[in-house]
Amino acid sequence: MKTDRKPIRTKIQNMVLAISIAALIIASAVGVISMIRIQNDSEKALISQMEQDLRNITTNKADLAQSELGLYSSYVENLAAYITGLYQNPSGYVSHDVPTPKKEDKGKLVIQRTLRDKNVLLKNIEKEIYLLGNVEQVWHNIIKSKKGLITVIYLGTESGLMVGYDDRPDLSAEDGGDVYYDYSKSAWYTKAKKAGRVCFTDVYMDIYERGLMITCTAPFYDADNNFAGVVGMDILISDLYKNIIELDLGENAYAFLVDNNGHIIDNVNNNKAKSIYDEAGMNKFVASEILAGKTGVSLAQGE
């Protein structure tokens, strides 16, 4: 009888053991599934939080850029209105001459004139020269107030006269007298003329290697409300650029700016040799969305 009971006990023990193991496996499976669900939920929460952080950052940086560039836009808009006022009421202003650039004025903020080409005769624009000389003091106050951020203010007229105000007249000075430069086909002139409002050029590197620049321009009009020319200012925006692209999302996060043609704006040399499509880790769809001017956050792995 003893021999008959032993197998039965063993079978029962094995059943209990099997049930226990099965229960352990089931419990473990539930635990793994729960951990996967928690992990997935955590990843979704992290991604959602990152998206919100990016939205907040880009919105704040866009507001910063809008505020900074909006200030320069208002300067240029007011200058255009002032110059239009000169044309509309010339008798209300005292005549001020605008001399040719002189090498000895290097380092001094001075007003100077340039002619579009040799077909522009001084006798035909003499009154206009003396009228536009009135901008000198206004331009001086603006440049001084921005402490070197505005490097030059200038205007070009349909009649062929260009008036500038900066501290490097020596660069264009000629021993023979008048200096010639055809500004009429320049982007800063043609863009504002066509748009009929305040415009900004693409970002470019300052020729004196002071940093990134942008030009803001606006059209002005004569007494008959006909287009008379464009006024503009060159603005140093390296600090603004730095503030825009700085991100605080960890060591692997980075940012860059692109122009309307998809060229990456480089704070070092801005040679525009690199396209947004060449950027490491850049998804082509996301690049296209950026160039299309669409807002939002897109998360995608590089191709």
C-alpha atoms as a PDB file:
ATOM      1  CA  MET A   1       0.000   0.000   0.000  1.00  0.00           C
ATOM      2  CA  LYS A   2       2.838   2.316   0.715  1.00  0.00           C
ATOM      3  CA  THR A   3       4.133   1.840  -2.765  1.00  0.00           C
ATOM      4  CA  ASP A   4       0.714   2.695  -4.153  1.00  0.00           C
ATOM      5  CA  ARG A   5       0.486   6.016  -2.341  1.00  0.00           C
ATOM      6  CA  LYS A   6       3.876   7.344  -3.309  1.00  0.00           C
ATOM      7  CA  PRO A   7       3.183   7.987  -6.976  1.00  0.00           C
ATOM      8  CA  ILE A   8      -0.103   9.625  -6.117  1.00  0.00           C
ATOM      9  CA  ARG A   9       1.630  12.070  -3.773  1.00  0.00           C
ATOM     10  CA  THR A  10       4.262  12.769  -6.385  1.00  0.00           C
ATOM     11  CA  LYS A  11       1.621  13.456  -9.005  1.00  0.00           C
ATOM     12  CA  ILE A  12      -0.166  15.846  -6.720  1.00  0.00           C
ATOM     13  CA  GLN A  13       3.068  17.642  -5.890  1.00  0.00           C
ATOM     14  CA  ASN A  14       3.891  17.881  -9.568  1.00  0.00           C
ATOM     15  CA  MET A  15       0.485  19.347 -10.288  1.00  0.00           C
ATOM     16  CA  VAL A  16       0.933  21.923  -7.590  1.00  0.00           C
ATOM     17  CA  LEU A  17       4.371  22.709  -8.906  1.00  0.00           C
ATOM     18  CA  ALA A  18       3.072  22.989 -12.447  1.00  0.00           C
ATOM     19  CA  ILE A  19       0.265  25.273 -11.364  1.00  0.00           C
ATOM     20  CA  SER A  20       2.684  27.361  -9.349  1.00  0.00           C
ATOM     21  CA  ILE A  21       5.051  27.699 -12.303  1.00  0.00           C
ATOM     22  CA  ALA A  22       2.176  28.494 -14.627  1.00  0.00           C
ATOM     23  CA  ALA A  23       0.919  31.105 -12.208  1.00  0.00           C
ATOM     24  CA  LEU A  24       4.416  32.565 -12.002  1.00  0.00           C
ATOM     25  CA  ILE A  25       4.689  32.678 -15.779  1.00  0.00           C
ATOM     26  CA  ILE A  26       1.298  34.348 -16.095  1.00  0.00           C
ATOM     27  CA  ALA A  27       2.175  36.831 -13.364  1.00  0.00           C
ATOM     28  CA  SER A  28       5.485  37.561 -15.049  1.00  0.00           C
ATOM     29  CA  ALA A  29       3.790  38.033 -18.410  1.00  0.00           C
ATOM     30  CA  VAL A  30       1.322  40.454 -16.879  1.00  0.00           C
ATOM     31  CA  GLY A  31       4.214  42.288 -15.264  1.00  0.00           C
ATOM     32  CA  VAL A  32       6.133  42.529 -18.538  1.00  0.00           C
ATOM     33  CA  ILE A  33       3.045  43.708 -20.411  1.00  0.00           C
ATOM     34  CA  SER A  34       2.387  46.278 -17.696  1.00  0.00           C
ATOM     35  CA  MET A  35       5.992  47.467 -17.849  1.00  0.00           C
ATOM     36  CA  ILE A  36       5.804  47.791 -21.652  1.00  0.00           C
ATOM     37  CA  ARG A  37       2.570  49.751 -21.332  1.00  0.00           C
ATOM     38  CA  ILE A  38       4.113  52.020 -18.678  1.00  0.00           C
ATOM     39  CA  GLN A  39       7.216  52.477 -20.829  1.00  0.00           C
ATOM     40  CA  ASN A  40       5.133  53.347 -23.901  1.00  0.00           C
ATOM     41  CA  ASP A  41       2.969  55.732 -21.909  1.00  0.00           C
ATOM     42  CA  SER A  42       6.094  57.357 -20.470  1.00  0.00           C
ATOM     43  CA  GLU A  43       7.622  57.762 -23.917  1.00  0.00           C
ATOM     44  CA  LYS A  44       4.401  59.310 -25.222  1.00  0.00           C
ATOM     45  CA  ALA A  45       4.324  61.665 -22.251  1.00  0.00           C
ATOM     46  CA  LEU A  46       7.973  62.636 -22.784  1.00  0.00           C
ATOM     47  CA  ILE A  47       7.436  63.220 -26.506  1.00  0.00           C
ATOM     48  CA  SER A  48       4.311  65.240 -25.798  1.00  0.00           C
ATOM     49  CA  GLN A  49       6.186  67.332 -23.241  1.00  0.00           C
ATOM     50  CA  MET A  50       9.098  67.832 -25.631  1.00  0.00           C
ATOM     51  CA  GLU A  51       6.720  68.969 -28.361  1.00  0.00           C
ATOM     52  CA  GLN A  52       5.142  71.477 -25.997  1.00  0.00           C
ATOM     53  CA  ASP A  53       8.566  72.702 -24.862  1.00  0.00           C
ATOM     54  CA  LEU A  54       9.616  73.169 -28.476  1.00  0.00           C
ATOM     55  CA  ARG A  55       6.418  75.044 -29.276  1.00  0.00           C
ATOM     56  CA  ASN A  56       6.955  77.348 -26.312  1.00  0.00           C
ATOM     57  CA  ILE A  57      10.600  77.942 -27.192  1.00  0.00           C
ATOM     58  CA  THR A  58       9.957  78.631 -30.877  1.00  0.00           C
ATOM     59  CA  THR A  59       7.036  80.915 -30.036  1.00  0.00           C
ATOM     60  CA  ASN A  60       9.155  82.898 -27.568  1.00  0.00           C
ATOM     61  CA  LYS A  61      12.055  83.134 -29.994  1.00  0.00           C
ATOM     62  CA  ALA A  62       9.735  84.185 -32.814  1.00  0.00           C
ATOM     63  CA  ASP A  63       8.301  86.887 -30.551  1.00  0.00           C
ATOM     64  CA  LEU A  64      11.841  88.036 -29.718  1.00  0.00           C
ATOM     65  CA  ALA A  65      12.805  88.256 -33.390  1.00  0.00           C
ATOM     66  CA  GLN A  66       9.528  89.955 -34.257  1.00  0.00           C
ATOM     67  CA  SER A  67      10.053  92.531 -31.511  1.00  0.00           C
ATOM     68  CA  GLU A  68      13.649  93.273 -32.524  1.00  0.00           C
ATOM     69  CA  LEU A  69      13.034  93.427 -36.252  1.00  0.00           C
ATOM     70  CA  GLY A  70       9.755  95.265 -35.687  1.00  0.00           C
ATOM     71  CA  LEU A  71      11.700  98.089 -34.047  1.00  0.00           C
ATOM     72  CA  TYR A  72      13.937  98.482 -37.106  1.00  0.00           C
ATOM     73  CA  SER A  73      10.908  98.224 -39.357  1.00  0.00           C
ATOM     74  CA  SER A  74       9.289 101.151 -37.545  1.00  0.00           C
ATOM     75  CA  TYR A  75      12.520 103.175 -37.858  1.00  0.00           C
ATOM     76  CA  VAL A  76      12.599 102.683 -41.625  1.00  0.00           C
ATOM     77  CA  GLU A  77       8.882 103.303 -42.007  1.00  0.00           C
ATOM     78  CA  ASN A  78       9.210 106.602 -40.139  1.00  0.00           C
ATOM     79  CA  LEU A  79      12.262 107.571 -42.205  1.00  0.00           C
ATOM     80  CA  ALA A  80      10.332 106.924 -45.408  1.00  0.00           C
ATOM     81  CA  ALA A  81       7.495 109.103 -44.127  1.00  0.00           C
ATOM     82  CA  TYR A  82       9.981 111.839 -43.186  1.00  0.00           C
ATOM     83  CA  ILE A  83      11.614 111.809 -46.634  1.00  0.00           C
ATOM     84  CA  THR A  84       8.203 111.851 -48.306  1.00  0.00           C
ATOM     85  CA  GLY A  85       7.473 114.927 -46.188  1.00  0.00           C
ATOM     86  CA  LEU A  86      10.635 116.585 -47.525  1.00  0.00           C
ATOM     87  CA  TYR A  87       9.420 116.175 -51.094  1.00  0.00           C
ATOM     88  CA  GLN A  88       5.916 117.309 -50.273  1.00  0.00           C
ATOM     89  CA  ASN A  89       6.987 120.451 -48.432  1.00  0.00           C
ATOM     90  CA  PRO A  90      10.510 121.440 -49.593  1.00  0.00           C
ATOM     91  CA  SER A  91      10.067 125.095 -48.632  1.00  0.00           C
ATOM     92  CA  GLY A  92       9.696 124.074 -45.000  1.00  0.00           C
ATOM     93  CA  TYR A  93      13.309 122.921 -44.744  1.00  0.00           C
ATOM     94  CA  VAL A  94      16.706 124.625 -44.843  1.00  0.00           C
ATOM     95  CA  SER A  95      19.120 123.568 -47.605  1.00  0.00           C
ATOM     96  CA  HIS A  96      21.955 121.209 -46.586  1.00  0.00           C
ATOM     97  CA  ASP A  97      24.670 120.097 -48.974  1.00  0.00           C
ATOM     98  CA  VAL A  98      25.665 116.440 -49.344  1.00  0.00           C
ATOM     99  CA  PRO A  99      29.388 116.243 -50.266  1.00  0.00           C
ATOM    100  CA  THR A 100      31.261 113.461 -52.044  1.00  0.00           C
ATOM    101  CA  PRO A 101      33.013 110.797 -49.907  1.00  0.00           C
ATOM    102  CA  LYS A 102      36.446 111.763 -48.594  1.00  0.00           C
ATOM    103  CA  LYS A 103      39.224 109.428 -47.458  1.00  0.00           C
ATOM    104  CA  GLU A 104      40.180 111.724 -44.581  1.00  0.00           C
ATOM    105  CA  ASP A 105      36.733 111.168 -43.051  1.00  0.00           C
ATOM    106  CA  LYS A 106      37.526 107.532 -42.242  1.00  0.00           C
ATOM    107  CA  GLY A 107      36.111 106.658 -38.804  1.00  0.00           C
ATOM    108  CA  LYS A 108      33.755 109.643 -38.750  1.00  0.00           C
ATOM    109  CA  LEU A 109      30.004 109.454 -39.156  1.00  0.00           C
ATOM    110  CA  VAL A 110      29.403 111.640 -42.203  1.00  0.00           C
ATOM    111  CA  ILE A 111      26.802 112.122 -44.906  1.00  0.00           C
ATOM    112  CA  GLN A 112      27.998 111.564 -48.487  1.00  0.00           C
ATOM    113  CA  ARG A 113      26.588 111.280 -51.982  1.00  0.00           C
ATOM    114  CA  THR A 114      26.964 108.777 -54.798  1.00  0.00           C
ATOM    115  CA  LEU A 115      25.559 108.999 -58.314  1.00  0.00           C
ATOM    116  CA  ARG A 116      23.939 106.099 -60.136  1.00  0.00           C
ATOM    117  CA  ASP A 117      26.002 106.602 -63.291  1.00  0.00           C
ATOM    118  CA  LYS A 118      27.762 109.270 -65.328  1.00  0.00           C
ATOM    119  CA  ASN A 119      24.552 110.170 -67.135  1.00  0.00           C
ATOM    120  CA  VAL A 120      23.248 111.723 -63.912  1.00  0.00           C
ATOM    121  CA  LEU A 121      24.099 115.425 -64.054  1.00  0.00           C
ATOM    122  CA  LEU A 122      24.520 117.400 -60.829  1.00  0.00           C
ATOM    123  CA  LYS A 123      22.730 120.427 -62.258  1.00  0.00           C
ATOM    124  CA  ASN A 124      19.590 118.315 -62.725  1.00  0.00           C
ATOM    125  CA  ILE A 125      19.490 117.036 -59.136  1.00  0.00           C
ATOM    126  CA  GLU A 126      21.069 119.956 -57.239  1.00  0.00           C
ATOM    127  CA  LYS A 127      17.837 120.966 -55.491  1.00  0.00           C
ATOM    128  CA  GLU A 128      17.208 117.350 -54.521  1.00  0.00           C
ATOM    129  CA  ILE A 129      20.706 117.044 -53.061  1.00  0.00           C
ATOM    130  CA  TYR A 130      20.253 120.091 -50.841  1.00  0.00           C
ATOM    131  CA  LEU A 131      16.777 118.943 -49.817  1.00  0.00           C
ATOM    132  CA  LEU A 132      17.848 115.429 -48.849  1.00  0.00           C
ATOM    133  CA  GLY A 133      20.773 116.813 -46.845  1.00  0.00           C
ATOM    134  CA  ASN A 134      18.173 117.348 -44.110  1.00  0.00           C
ATOM    135  CA  VAL A 135      18.237 113.632 -43.267  1.00  0.00           C
ATOM    136  CA  GLU A 136      21.698 113.884 -41.699  1.00  0.00           C
ATOM    137  CA  GLN A 137      20.714 114.779 -38.148  1.00  0.00           C
ATOM    138  CA  VAL A 138      17.824 112.331 -38.070  1.00  0.00           C
ATOM    139  CA  TRP A 139      20.044 109.507 -39.273  1.00  0.00           C
ATOM    140  CA  HIS A 140      22.789 110.458 -36.823  1.00  0.00           C
ATOM    141  CA  ASN A 141      20.417 110.193 -33.870  1.00  0.00           C
ATOM    142  CA  ILE A 142      19.155 106.761 -34.933  1.00  0.00           C
ATOM    143  CA  ILE A 143      22.614 105.260 -35.508  1.00  0.00           C
ATOM    144  CA  LYS A 144      23.885 106.622 -32.198  1.00  0.00           C
ATOM    145  CA  SER A 145      20.879 105.285 -30.306  1.00  0.00           C
ATOM    146  CA  LYS A 146      21.505 101.697 -31.471  1.00  0.00           C
ATOM    147  CA  LYS A 147      25.191 101.652 -30.436  1.00  0.00           C
ATOM    148  CA  GLY A 148      26.693 100.158 -33.573  1.00  0.00           C
ATOM    149  CA  LEU A 149      23.864  97.752 -34.431  1.00  0.00           C
ATOM    150  CA  ILE A 150      22.828  99.956 -37.351  1.00  0.00           C
ATOM    151  CA  THR A 151      25.970 100.279 -39.448  1.00  0.00           C
ATOM    152  CA  VAL A 152      24.736 102.525 -42.259  1.00  0.00           C
ATOM    153  CA  ILE A 153      21.591 104.342 -43.387  1.00  0.00           C
ATOM    154  CA  TYR A 154      21.133 105.307 -47.007  1.00  0.00           C
ATOM    155  CA  LEU A 155      18.642 106.179 -49.722  1.00  0.00           C
ATOM    156  CA  GLY A 156      18.531 105.917 -53.487  1.00  0.00           C
ATOM    157  CA  THR A 157      16.298 108.009 -55.729  1.00  0.00           C
ATOM    158  CA  GLU A 158      14.757 107.417 -59.129  1.00  0.00           C
ATOM    159  CA  SER A 159      16.618 110.499 -60.325  1.00  0.00           C
ATOM    160  CA  GLY A 160      19.978 108.774 -59.770  1.00  0.00           C
ATOM    161  CA  LEU A 161      21.119 110.161 -56.407  1.00  0.00           C
ATOM    162  CA  MET A 162      22.265 108.006 -53.506  1.00  0.00           C
ATOM    163  CA  VAL A 163      22.828 109.507 -50.052  1.00  0.00           C
ATOM    164  CA  GLY A 164      24.519 107.517 -47.300  1.00  0.00           C
ATOM    165  CA  TYR A 165      25.524 108.012 -43.670  1.00  0.00           C
ATOM    166  CA  ASP A 166      28.249 105.887 -42.090  1.00  0.00           C
ATOM    167  CA  ASP A 167      31.823 105.995 -40.776  1.00  0.00           C
ATOM    168  CA  ARG A 168      33.614 104.421 -43.781  1.00  0.00           C
ATOM    169  CA  PRO A 169      33.413 107.004 -46.578  1.00  0.00           C
ATOM    170  CA  ASP A 170      37.061 106.252 -47.381  1.00  0.00           C
ATOM    171  CA  LEU A 171      36.086 102.942 -48.961  1.00  0.00           C
ATOM    172  CA  SER A 172      34.199 104.608 -51.802  1.00  0.00           C
ATOM    173  CA  ALA A 173      36.113 107.899 -52.031  1.00  0.00           C
ATOM    174  CA  GLU A 174      37.602 108.814 -55.390  1.00  0.00           C
ATOM    175  CA  ASP A 175      40.271 111.481 -55.963  1.00  0.00           C
ATOM    176  CA  GLY A 176      38.434 112.644 -59.050  1.00  0.00           C
ATOM    177  CA  GLY A 177      35.311 113.761 -57.194  1.00  0.00           C
ATOM    178  CA  ASP A 178      31.956 112.074 -57.658  1.00  0.00           C
ATOM    179  CA  VAL A 179      31.546 108.329 -57.081  1.00  0.00           C
ATOM    180  CA  TYR A 180      29.294 106.129 -59.212  1.00  0.00           C
ATOM    181  CA  TYR A 181      27.322 103.061 -58.179  1.00  0.00           C
ATOM    182  CA  ASP A 182      24.260 101.651 -59.931  1.00  0.00           C
ATOM    183  CA  TYR A 183      22.028 100.728 -57.028  1.00  0.00           C
ATOM    184  CA  SER A 184      18.869 100.608 -59.157  1.00  0.00           C
ATOM    185  CA  LYS A 185      19.143  96.849 -59.711  1.00  0.00           C
ATOM    186  CA  SER A 186      20.153  96.001 -56.139  1.00  0.00           C
ATOM    187  CA  ALA A 187      17.824  93.718 -54.172  1.00  0.00           C
ATOM    188  CA  TRP A 188      17.284  96.276 -51.397  1.00  0.00           C
ATOM    189  CA  TYR A 189      16.051  98.827 -53.949  1.00  0.00           C
ATOM    190  CA  THR A 190      14.003  96.676 -56.308  1.00  0.00           C
ATOM    191  CA  LYS A 191      12.299  94.695 -53.544  1.00  0.00           C
ATOM    192  CA  ALA A 192      10.931  97.753 -51.715  1.00  0.00           C
ATOM    193  CA  LYS A 193      10.019  99.461 -54.990  1.00  0.00           C
ATOM    194  CA  LYS A 194       7.962  96.474 -56.105  1.00  0.00           C
ATOM    195  CA  ALA A 195       6.369  95.763 -52.719  1.00  0.00           C
ATOM    196  CA  GLY A 196       5.493  99.349 -51.877  1.00  0.00           C
ATOM    197  CA  ARG A 197       6.070  98.702 -48.172  1.00  0.00           C
ATOM    198  CA  VAL A 198       8.738  97.902 -45.575  1.00  0.00           C
ATOM    199  CA  CYS A 199      10.857  94.891 -46.621  1.00  0.00           C
ATOM    200  CA  PHE A 200      13.743  92.830 -45.265  1.00  0.00           C
ATOM    201  CA  THR A 201      16.472  91.262 -47.370  1.00  0.00           C
ATOM    202  CA  ASP A 202      17.934  87.809 -46.727  1.00  0.00           C
ATOM    203  CA  VAL A 203      20.576  87.581 -44.015  1.00  0.00           C
ATOM    204  CA  TYR A 204      24.178  88.019 -45.193  1.00  0.00           C
ATOM    205  CA  MET A 205      27.670  88.393 -43.752  1.00  0.00           C
ATOM    206  CA  ASP A 206      28.953  91.927 -43.182  1.00  0.00           C
ATOM    207  CA  ILE A 207      31.857  92.758 -45.510  1.00  0.00           C
ATOM    208  CA  TYR A 208      33.892  93.977 -42.518  1.00  0.00           C
ATOM    209  CA  GLU A 209      33.372  90.585 -40.809  1.00  0.00           C
ATOM    210  CA  ARG A 210      31.449  92.096 -37.907  1.00  0.00           C
ATOM    211  CA  GLY A 211      28.793  89.387 -38.139  1.00  0.00           C
ATOM    212  CA  LEU A 212      25.449  88.637 -39.714  1.00  0.00           C
ATOM    213  CA  MET A 213      23.532  91.505 -41.270  1.00  0.00           C
ATOM    214  CA  ILE A 214      20.059  92.166 -42.597  1.00  0.00           C
ATOM    215  CA  THR A 215      18.823  95.178 -44.555  1.00  0.00           C
ATOM    216  CA  CYS A 216      15.472  96.830 -43.921  1.00  0.00           C
ATOM    217  CA  THR A 217      14.067  99.109 -46.622  1.00  0.00           C
ATOM    218  CA  ALA A 218      10.949 101.119 -47.500  1.00  0.00           C
ATOM    219  CA  PRO A 219       9.808 103.272 -50.438  1.00  0.00           C
ATOM    220  CA  PHE A 220       9.203 107.012 -50.279  1.00  0.00           C
ATOM    221  CA  TYR A 221       7.197 109.262 -52.607  1.00  0.00           C
ATOM    222  CA  ASP A 222       7.264 112.731 -54.160  1.00  0.00           C
ATOM    223  CA  ALA A 223       4.757 115.588 -53.921  1.00  0.00           C
ATOM    224  CA  ASP A 224       2.506 113.917 -56.509  1.00  0.00           C
ATOM    225  CA  ASN A 225       2.635 110.623 -54.604  1.00  0.00           C
ATOM    226  CA  ASN A 226       4.771 109.006 -57.291  1.00  0.00           C
ATOM    227  CA  PHE A 227       7.511 106.586 -56.331  1.00  0.00           C
ATOM    228  CA  ALA A 228      10.662 108.634 -55.685  1.00  0.00           C
ATOM    229  CA  GLY A 229      13.100 106.158 -54.141  1.00  0.00           C
ATOM    230  CA  VAL A 230      13.977 103.769 -51.322  1.00  0.00           C
ATOM    231  CA  VAL A 231      15.489 104.323 -47.876  1.00  0.00           C
ATOM    232  CA  GLY A 232      17.260 101.516 -46.046  1.00  0.00           C
ATOM    233  CA  MET A 233      19.462 100.568 -43.138  1.00  0.00           C
ATOM    234  CA  ASP A 234      21.943  97.734 -42.617  1.00  0.00           C
ATOM    235  CA  ILE A 235      21.477  96.042 -39.254  1.00  0.00           C
ATOM    236  CA  LEU A 236      23.912  93.815 -37.381  1.00  0.00           C
ATOM    237  CA  ILE A 237      21.883  90.856 -36.044  1.00  0.00           C
ATOM    238  CA  SER A 238      24.557  88.433 -34.802  1.00  0.00           C
ATOM    239  CA  ASP A 239      23.340  88.686 -31.196  1.00  0.00           C
ATOM    240  CA  LEU A 240      19.741  88.174 -32.269  1.00  0.00           C
ATOM    241  CA  TYR A 241      20.803  85.154 -34.332  1.00  0.00           C
ATOM    242  CA  LYS A 242      22.601  83.681 -31.324  1.00  0.00           C
ATOM    243  CA  ASN A 243      19.582  84.149 -29.079  1.00  0.00           C
ATOM    244  CA  ILE A 244      17.256  82.544 -31.618  1.00  0.00           C
ATOM    245  CA  ILE A 245      19.246  79.342 -32.227  1.00  0.00           C
ATOM    246  CA  GLU A 246      20.244  78.685 -28.598  1.00  0.00           C
ATOM    247  CA  LEU A 247      18.203  75.792 -27.198  1.00  0.00           C
ATOM    248  CA  ASP A 248      18.042  74.379 -23.676  1.00  0.00           C
ATOM    249  CA  LEU A 249      16.829  70.849 -24.431  1.00  0.00           C
ATOM    250  CA  GLY A 250      19.961  68.868 -23.702  1.00  0.00           C
ATOM    251  CA  GLU A 251      23.306  68.389 -25.338  1.00  0.00           C
ATOM    252  CA  ASN A 252      21.885  66.655 -28.429  1.00  0.00           C
ATOM    253  CA  ALA A 253      19.493  69.491 -29.264  1.00  0.00           C
ATOM    254  CA  TYR A 254      20.504  72.111 -31.792  1.00  0.00           C
ATOM    255  CA  ALA A 255      18.914  74.693 -34.055  1.00  0.00           C
ATOM    256  CA  PHE A 256      19.730  76.551 -37.237  1.00  0.00           C
ATOM    257  CA  LEU A 257      18.222  79.211 -39.477  1.00  0.00           C
ATOM    258  CA  VAL A 258      17.490  78.903 -43.180  1.00  0.00           C
ATOM    259  CA  ASP A 259      16.678  81.536 -45.769  1.00  0.00           C
ATOM    260  CA  ASN A 260      13.779  81.361 -48.234  1.00  0.00           C
ATOM    261  CA  ASN A 261      15.920  79.398 -50.683  1.00  0.00           C
ATOM    262  CA  GLY A 262      16.715  76.643 -48.180  1.00  0.00           C
ATOM    263  CA  HIS A 263      20.298  77.748 -47.504  1.00  0.00           C
ATOM    264  CA  ILE A 264      21.482  77.400 -43.933  1.00  0.00           C
ATOM    265  CA  ILE A 265      22.513  80.736 -42.434  1.00  0.00           C
ATOM    266  CA  ASP A 266      25.965  80.253 -40.954  1.00  0.00           C
ATOM    267  CA  ASN A 267      27.069  82.587 -38.170  1.00  0.00           C
ATOM    268  CA  VAL A 268      30.710  81.907 -39.059  1.00  0.00           C
ATOM    269  CA  ASN A 269      30.960  82.627 -42.765  1.00  0.00           C
ATOM    270  CA  ASN A 270      27.448  82.330 -44.223  1.00  0.00           C
ATOM    271  CA  ASN A 271      28.780  81.026 -47.504  1.00  0.00           C
ATOM    272  CA  LYS A 272      25.387  79.405 -48.117  1.00  0.00           C
ATOM    273  CA  ALA A 273      27.094  76.278 -49.425  1.00  0.00           C
ATOM    274  CA  LYS A 274      24.942  74.008 -47.292  1.00  0.00           C
ATOM    275  CA  SER A 275      21.290  73.306 -47.990  1.00  0.00           C
ATOM    276  CA  ILE A 276      18.713  72.358 -45.378  1.00  0.00           C
ATOM    277  CA  TYR A 277      18.415  69.038 -47.240  1.00  0.00           C
ATOM    278  CA  ASP A 278      22.083  68.347 -46.493  1.00  0.00           C
ATOM    279  CA  GLU A 279      21.680  68.874 -42.760  1.00  0.00           C
ATOM    280  CA  ALA A 280      22.555  65.748 -40.787  1.00  0.00           C
ATOM    281  CA  GLY A 281      19.466  63.936 -39.564  1.00  0.00           C
ATOM    282  CA  MET A 282      17.110  66.160 -41.557  1.00  0.00           C
ATOM    283  CA  ASN A 283      14.077  64.362 -42.921  1.00  0.00           C
ATOM    284  CA  LYS A 284      13.150  65.534 -46.447  1.00  0.00           C
ATOM    285  CA  PHE A 285       9.484  65.838 -45.571  1.00  0.00           C
ATOM    286  CA  VAL A 286      10.267  67.988 -42.532  1.00  0.00           C
ATOM    287  CA  ALA A 287      12.633  70.139 -44.620  1.00  0.00           C
ATOM    288  CA  SER A 288       9.867  70.690 -47.159  1.00  0.00           C
ATOM    289  CA  GLU A 289       7.443  71.621 -44.389  1.00  0.00           C
ATOM    290  CA  ILE A 290       9.918  74.197 -43.049  1.00  0.00           C
ATOM    291  CA  LEU A 291      10.489  75.773 -46.461  1.00  0.00           C
ATOM    292  CA  ALA A 292       6.727  75.900 -47.012  1.00  0.00           C
ATOM    293  CA  GLY A 293       6.509  78.133 -43.942  1.00  0.00           C
ATOM    294  CA  LYS A 294       4.364  75.728 -41.942  1.00  0.00           C
ATOM    295  CA  THR A 295       4.446  75.973 -38.165  1.00  0.00           C
ATOM    296  CA  GLY A 296       4.399  73.239 -35.571  1.00  0.00           C
ATOM    297  CA  VAL A 297       6.599  70.420 -34.333  1.00  0.00           C
ATOM    298  CA  SER A 298       7.525  67.459 -36.513  1.00  0.00           C
ATOM    299  CA  LEU A 299       9.340  64.458 -35.051  1.00  0.00           C
ATOM    300  CA  ALA A 300      10.985  62.192 -37.591  1.00  0.00           C
ATOM    301  CA  GLN A 301      14.121  60.091 -37.898  1.00  0.00           C
ATOM    302  CA  GLY A 302      16.711  61.068 -40.487  1.00  0.00           C
ATOM    303  CA  GLU A 303      16.871  59.175 -43.727  1.00  0.00           C
END
